[in-house]
Amino acid sequence: MNIEEKVTDGRVVIRVSGALTVGNVVELHSKLRELLNTADAVEMEIGETRDADLTFLQLLCSAHRAFVARNKRFTVTGLKNDLLSRENFSGFTRERGCTRDKWSDCALMKEKTNV
């Protein structure tokens, strides 16, 4: 897993790519915990992934809930739709956020496209 971090327009953007699997999420989990305490807005941009599993998606959901609980923003962008459309994630995505999703930016919802 590769993690790149930059600050843009008052928010921290972390770009993740590579193998987003249980064997690699410890570093990302630590980074998200750090940002939960130091940043008011975090955008996770998903880059090219060769592998991903449900552990990564569970981490996204948990991070989103933790940020919202502290009245902070956590959004997921980039190749999110591609990742959520993969066959091994069928049935795991959401049509709308959970009851805690006050800004309608659930990490597990596909982004709407203008097609």
N, C-alpha and C. Protein backbone atom coordinates (compact mmCIF):
# COMPACT_ATOMS: atom_id res chain seq x y z
N MET A 1 0.85 -1.16 0.00
CA MET A 1 0.00 0.00 0.00
C MET A 1 0.90 1.23 0.00
N ASN A 2 0.51 2.20 -0.80
CA ASN A 2 1.19 3.48 -0.84
C ASN A 2 0.26 4.54 -0.26
N ILE A 3 0.80 5.39 0.60
CA ILE A 3 0.03 6.49 1.19
C ILE A 3 0.79 7.78 0.95
N GLU A 4 0.15 8.72 0.28
CA GLU A 4 0.73 10.05 0.06
C GLU A 4 -0.18 11.06 0.75
N GLU A 5 0.42 12.07 1.35
CA GLU A 5 -0.37 13.07 2.08
C GLU A 5 0.00 14.47 1.61
N LYS A 6 -1.02 15.32 1.47
CA LYS A 6 -0.80 16.73 1.17
C LYS A 6 -1.95 17.54 1.77
N VAL A 7 -1.70 18.83 1.99
CA VAL A 7 -2.74 19.72 2.50
C VAL A 7 -3.16 20.62 1.35
N THR A 8 -4.48 20.64 1.07
CA THR A 8 -5.04 21.42 -0.02
C THR A 8 -6.31 22.10 0.45
N ASP A 9 -6.39 23.39 0.26
CA ASP A 9 -7.61 24.15 0.60
C ASP A 9 -8.13 23.87 2.00
N GLY A 10 -7.24 23.81 2.98
CA GLY A 10 -7.67 23.62 4.36
C GLY A 10 -8.04 22.21 4.74
N ARG A 11 -7.83 21.25 3.87
CA ARG A 11 -8.12 19.86 4.22
C ARG A 11 -6.90 19.00 3.90
N VAL A 12 -6.80 17.89 4.59
CA VAL A 12 -5.72 16.95 4.35
C VAL A 12 -6.21 15.94 3.32
N VAL A 13 -5.43 15.76 2.28
CA VAL A 13 -5.76 14.77 1.25
C VAL A 13 -4.74 13.64 1.37
N ILE A 14 -5.25 12.43 1.58
CA ILE A 14 -4.36 11.27 1.56
C ILE A 14 -4.76 10.41 0.37
N ARG A 15 -3.77 10.06 -0.42
CA ARG A 15 -4.00 9.23 -1.61
C ARG A 15 -3.47 7.85 -1.31
N VAL A 16 -4.34 6.85 -1.46
CA VAL A 16 -3.94 5.47 -1.20
C VAL A 16 -4.00 4.69 -2.51
N SER A 17 -3.05 3.80 -2.68
CA SER A 17 -3.02 2.96 -3.88
C SER A 17 -2.28 1.67 -3.54
N GLY A 18 -2.30 0.75 -4.48
CA GLY A 18 -1.62 -0.52 -4.27
C GLY A 18 -2.54 -1.56 -3.68
N ALA A 19 -2.02 -2.38 -2.78
CA ALA A 19 -2.78 -3.45 -2.15
C ALA A 19 -3.47 -2.92 -0.90
N LEU A 20 -4.77 -2.77 -0.97
CA LEU A 20 -5.57 -2.26 0.15
C LEU A 20 -6.20 -3.44 0.86
N THR A 21 -5.38 -4.18 1.56
CA THR A 21 -5.81 -5.44 2.16
C THR A 21 -5.47 -5.50 3.64
N VAL A 22 -5.97 -6.52 4.31
CA VAL A 22 -5.78 -6.69 5.75
C VAL A 22 -4.30 -6.66 6.13
N GLY A 23 -3.44 -7.15 5.28
CA GLY A 23 -2.01 -7.16 5.57
C GLY A 23 -1.36 -5.80 5.52
N ASN A 24 -2.06 -4.82 4.98
CA ASN A 24 -1.45 -3.50 4.77
C ASN A 24 -2.19 -2.34 5.43
N VAL A 25 -3.30 -2.57 6.08
CA VAL A 25 -4.10 -1.45 6.57
C VAL A 25 -3.65 -0.88 7.91
N VAL A 26 -2.72 -1.52 8.58
CA VAL A 26 -2.28 -1.02 9.89
C VAL A 26 -1.71 0.39 9.77
N GLU A 27 -0.88 0.64 8.78
CA GLU A 27 -0.30 1.96 8.58
C GLU A 27 -1.39 2.99 8.28
N LEU A 28 -2.35 2.63 7.45
CA LEU A 28 -3.44 3.54 7.13
C LEU A 28 -4.30 3.81 8.36
N HIS A 29 -4.58 2.80 9.13
CA HIS A 29 -5.35 2.97 10.36
C HIS A 29 -4.65 3.96 11.30
N SER A 30 -3.35 3.81 11.47
CA SER A 30 -2.59 4.74 12.32
C SER A 30 -2.65 6.16 11.80
N LYS A 31 -2.54 6.33 10.49
CA LYS A 31 -2.60 7.66 9.88
C LYS A 31 -3.98 8.28 10.10
N LEU A 32 -5.03 7.51 9.93
CA LEU A 32 -6.39 8.04 10.12
C LEU A 32 -6.63 8.42 11.58
N ARG A 33 -6.12 7.64 12.52
CA ARG A 33 -6.24 7.99 13.95
C ARG A 33 -5.53 9.29 14.25
N GLU A 34 -4.36 9.46 13.67
CA GLU A 34 -3.61 10.71 13.85
C GLU A 34 -4.40 11.89 13.29
N LEU A 35 -4.93 11.73 12.09
CA LEU A 35 -5.67 12.82 11.44
C LEU A 35 -6.97 13.13 12.16
N LEU A 36 -7.57 12.13 12.78
CA LEU A 36 -8.79 12.36 13.55
C LEU A 36 -8.54 13.37 14.67
N ASN A 37 -7.33 13.35 15.20
CA ASN A 37 -6.99 14.26 16.29
C ASN A 37 -6.42 15.59 15.82
N THR A 38 -6.00 15.68 14.56
CA THR A 38 -5.30 16.89 14.12
C THR A 38 -5.96 17.64 12.97
N ALA A 39 -6.86 17.02 12.24
CA ALA A 39 -7.45 17.65 11.04
C ALA A 39 -8.96 17.77 11.19
N ASP A 40 -9.51 18.84 10.62
CA ASP A 40 -10.96 19.02 10.63
C ASP A 40 -11.63 18.42 9.40
N ALA A 41 -10.85 18.24 8.33
CA ALA A 41 -11.39 17.68 7.09
C ALA A 41 -10.33 16.81 6.43
N VAL A 42 -10.73 15.60 6.10
CA VAL A 42 -9.82 14.66 5.43
C VAL A 42 -10.51 14.11 4.20
N GLU A 43 -9.79 14.12 3.09
CA GLU A 43 -10.26 13.50 1.86
C GLU A 43 -9.33 12.34 1.55
N MET A 44 -9.89 11.14 1.40
CA MET A 44 -9.10 10.00 0.98
C MET A 44 -9.35 9.78 -0.50
N GLU A 45 -8.30 9.91 -1.27
CA GLU A 45 -8.40 9.70 -2.71
C GLU A 45 -7.88 8.30 -3.02
N ILE A 46 -8.73 7.49 -3.62
CA ILE A 46 -8.34 6.12 -3.96
C ILE A 46 -7.72 6.13 -5.34
N GLY A 47 -6.48 5.67 -5.41
CA GLY A 47 -5.77 5.56 -6.67
C GLY A 47 -5.89 4.16 -7.24
N GLU A 48 -4.97 3.81 -8.10
CA GLU A 48 -4.96 2.47 -8.70
C GLU A 48 -4.73 1.41 -7.63
N THR A 49 -5.59 0.42 -7.62
CA THR A 49 -5.46 -0.67 -6.65
C THR A 49 -5.37 -1.99 -7.38
N ARG A 50 -4.47 -2.81 -6.94
CA ARG A 50 -4.38 -4.14 -7.55
C ARG A 50 -5.13 -5.16 -6.72
N ASP A 51 -5.34 -4.84 -5.45
CA ASP A 51 -6.02 -5.74 -4.54
C ASP A 51 -6.71 -4.91 -3.46
N ALA A 52 -7.86 -5.33 -3.05
CA ALA A 52 -8.57 -4.69 -1.93
C ALA A 52 -9.48 -5.74 -1.31
N ASP A 53 -9.74 -5.58 -0.02
CA ASP A 53 -10.64 -6.53 0.63
C ASP A 53 -11.58 -5.79 1.57
N LEU A 54 -12.45 -6.55 2.21
CA LEU A 54 -13.46 -5.95 3.08
C LEU A 54 -12.86 -5.23 4.28
N THR A 55 -11.67 -5.62 4.70
CA THR A 55 -11.01 -4.93 5.80
C THR A 55 -10.82 -3.46 5.47
N PHE A 56 -10.42 -3.18 4.25
CA PHE A 56 -10.23 -1.79 3.82
C PHE A 56 -11.56 -1.04 3.85
N LEU A 57 -12.61 -1.66 3.33
CA LEU A 57 -13.92 -1.01 3.33
C LEU A 57 -14.45 -0.79 4.74
N GLN A 58 -14.21 -1.74 5.63
CA GLN A 58 -14.62 -1.56 7.02
C GLN A 58 -13.87 -0.40 7.66
N LEU A 59 -12.60 -0.24 7.31
CA LEU A 59 -11.82 0.87 7.83
C LEU A 59 -12.38 2.21 7.33
N LEU A 60 -12.80 2.25 6.07
CA LEU A 60 -13.41 3.48 5.54
C LEU A 60 -14.67 3.83 6.31
N CYS A 61 -15.52 2.86 6.54
CA CYS A 61 -16.77 3.08 7.27
C CYS A 61 -16.48 3.55 8.69
N SER A 62 -15.57 2.90 9.36
CA SER A 62 -15.22 3.25 10.73
C SER A 62 -14.63 4.66 10.80
N ALA A 63 -13.76 4.99 9.85
CA ALA A 63 -13.17 6.34 9.83
C ALA A 63 -14.25 7.39 9.62
N HIS A 64 -15.15 7.14 8.68
CA HIS A 64 -16.22 8.09 8.42
C HIS A 64 -17.05 8.33 9.68
N ARG A 65 -17.43 7.27 10.34
CA ARG A 65 -18.24 7.40 11.57
C ARG A 65 -17.49 8.16 12.65
N ALA A 66 -16.20 7.87 12.81
CA ALA A 66 -15.40 8.54 13.85
C ALA A 66 -15.28 10.04 13.57
N PHE A 67 -15.04 10.40 12.32
CA PHE A 67 -14.92 11.82 11.97
C PHE A 67 -16.25 12.54 12.17
N VAL A 68 -17.33 11.94 11.71
CA VAL A 68 -18.66 12.56 11.85
C VAL A 68 -19.00 12.73 13.33
N ALA A 69 -18.66 11.75 14.16
CA ALA A 69 -18.94 11.84 15.60
C ALA A 69 -18.25 13.05 16.23
N ARG A 70 -17.14 13.47 15.64
CA ARG A 70 -16.42 14.65 16.14
C ARG A 70 -16.74 15.91 15.34
N ASN A 71 -17.78 15.81 14.53
CA ASN A 71 -18.22 16.94 13.70
C ASN A 71 -17.14 17.38 12.72
N LYS A 72 -16.42 16.39 12.18
CA LYS A 72 -15.37 16.62 11.20
C LYS A 72 -15.76 15.93 9.90
N ARG A 73 -15.16 16.35 8.80
CA ARG A 73 -15.49 15.79 7.49
C ARG A 73 -14.48 14.71 7.08
N PHE A 74 -15.00 13.61 6.53
CA PHE A 74 -14.18 12.55 5.95
C PHE A 74 -14.86 12.13 4.66
N THR A 75 -14.23 12.39 3.54
CA THR A 75 -14.81 12.02 2.25
C THR A 75 -13.85 11.10 1.50
N VAL A 76 -14.42 10.29 0.63
CA VAL A 76 -13.64 9.37 -0.20
C VAL A 76 -13.89 9.72 -1.65
N THR A 77 -12.82 9.91 -2.41
CA THR A 77 -12.91 10.30 -3.82
C THR A 77 -11.98 9.41 -4.65
N GLY A 78 -11.71 9.85 -5.85
CA GLY A 78 -10.80 9.12 -6.73
C GLY A 78 -11.51 7.97 -7.41
N LEU A 79 -10.88 6.82 -7.41
CA LEU A 79 -11.42 5.64 -8.09
C LEU A 79 -12.34 4.83 -7.18
N LYS A 80 -13.07 5.52 -6.35
CA LYS A 80 -13.99 4.88 -5.40
C LYS A 80 -15.04 4.01 -6.11
N ASN A 81 -15.67 4.55 -7.15
CA ASN A 81 -16.70 3.78 -7.85
C ASN A 81 -16.12 2.51 -8.47
N ASP A 82 -14.93 2.61 -9.02
CA ASP A 82 -14.29 1.42 -9.60
C ASP A 82 -14.08 0.35 -8.53
N LEU A 83 -13.60 0.78 -7.38
CA LEU A 83 -13.36 -0.16 -6.28
C LEU A 83 -14.66 -0.79 -5.81
N LEU A 84 -15.68 0.03 -5.59
CA LEU A 84 -16.95 -0.49 -5.08
C LEU A 84 -17.71 -1.32 -6.10
N SER A 85 -17.38 -1.19 -7.38
CA SER A 85 -18.05 -1.95 -8.44
C SER A 85 -17.44 -3.33 -8.65
N ARG A 86 -16.32 -3.60 -8.05
CA ARG A 86 -15.67 -4.90 -8.25
C ARG A 86 -16.56 -6.02 -7.76
N GLU A 87 -16.49 -7.10 -8.45
CA GLU A 87 -17.35 -8.26 -8.18
C GLU A 87 -17.28 -8.72 -6.72
N ASN A 88 -16.07 -8.72 -6.13
CA ASN A 88 -15.94 -9.24 -4.77
C ASN A 88 -16.54 -8.31 -3.72
N PHE A 89 -17.01 -7.12 -4.10
CA PHE A 89 -17.66 -6.22 -3.15
C PHE A 89 -19.16 -6.14 -3.39
N SER A 90 -19.70 -6.94 -4.27
CA SER A 90 -21.13 -6.90 -4.56
C SER A 90 -21.94 -7.02 -3.28
N GLY A 91 -22.91 -6.15 -3.14
CA GLY A 91 -23.78 -6.20 -1.99
C GLY A 91 -23.27 -5.45 -0.78
N PHE A 92 -22.03 -4.98 -0.82
CA PHE A 92 -21.49 -4.29 0.34
C PHE A 92 -21.69 -2.78 0.28
N THR A 93 -21.89 -2.24 -0.91
CA THR A 93 -22.07 -0.79 -1.03
C THR A 93 -23.45 -0.39 -0.56
N ARG A 94 -23.60 0.88 -0.28
CA ARG A 94 -24.86 1.40 0.24
C ARG A 94 -25.51 2.33 -0.77
N GLU A 95 -26.83 2.38 -0.75
CA GLU A 95 -27.58 3.32 -1.59
C GLU A 95 -27.70 4.67 -0.89
N ARG A 96 -27.63 4.66 0.43
CA ARG A 96 -27.63 5.89 1.21
C ARG A 96 -26.83 5.60 2.48
N GLY A 97 -26.42 6.66 3.14
CA GLY A 97 -25.59 6.52 4.33
C GLY A 97 -26.37 6.01 5.53
N CYS A 98 -25.65 5.69 6.57
CA CYS A 98 -26.28 5.25 7.82
C CYS A 98 -26.90 6.45 8.52
N THR A 99 -27.49 6.23 9.66
CA THR A 99 -28.17 7.30 10.39
C THR A 99 -27.20 8.36 10.88
N ARG A 100 -25.92 8.05 10.97
CA ARG A 100 -24.92 9.03 11.42
C ARG A 100 -24.39 9.89 10.28
N ASP A 101 -24.78 9.63 9.06
CA ASP A 101 -24.24 10.29 7.87
C ASP A 101 -24.91 11.65 7.65
N LYS A 102 -24.53 12.64 8.46
CA LYS A 102 -25.23 13.92 8.43
C LYS A 102 -24.94 14.77 7.20
N TRP A 103 -23.85 14.50 6.46
CA TRP A 103 -23.55 15.29 5.26
C TRP A 103 -23.76 14.49 3.97
N SER A 104 -24.36 13.31 4.07
CA SER A 104 -24.62 12.45 2.90
C SER A 104 -23.35 12.18 2.09
N ASP A 105 -22.27 11.87 2.80
CA ASP A 105 -21.01 11.56 2.13
C ASP A 105 -20.45 10.21 2.59
N CYS A 106 -21.35 9.27 2.82
CA CYS A 106 -20.97 7.92 3.26
C CYS A 106 -19.81 7.40 2.43
N ALA A 107 -18.82 6.85 3.11
CA ALA A 107 -17.64 6.34 2.43
C ALA A 107 -17.93 5.14 1.55
N LEU A 108 -19.05 4.47 1.77
CA LEU A 108 -19.37 3.26 1.01
C LEU A 108 -20.46 3.44 -0.03
N MET A 109 -20.86 4.68 -0.28
CA MET A 109 -21.83 4.96 -1.35
C MET A 109 -21.08 5.30 -2.62
N LYS A 110 -21.55 4.74 -3.72
CA LYS A 110 -20.98 5.13 -5.01
C LYS A 110 -21.33 6.57 -5.28
N GLU A 111 -20.39 7.28 -5.94
CA GLU A 111 -20.66 8.65 -6.32
C GLU A 111 -21.59 8.63 -7.52
N LYS A 112 -22.51 9.56 -7.54
CA LYS A 112 -23.43 9.65 -8.68
C LYS A 112 -22.69 10.24 -9.88
N THR A 113 -22.95 9.67 -11.04
CA THR A 113 -22.31 10.15 -12.26
C THR A 113 -23.35 10.74 -13.19
N ASN A 114 -22.96 11.64 -14.01
CA ASN A 114 -23.86 12.27 -14.97
C ASN A 114 -23.75 11.54 -16.31
N VAL A 115 -24.40 10.40 -16.41
CA VAL A 115 -24.37 9.63 -17.66
C VAL A 115 -25.76 9.54 -18.23
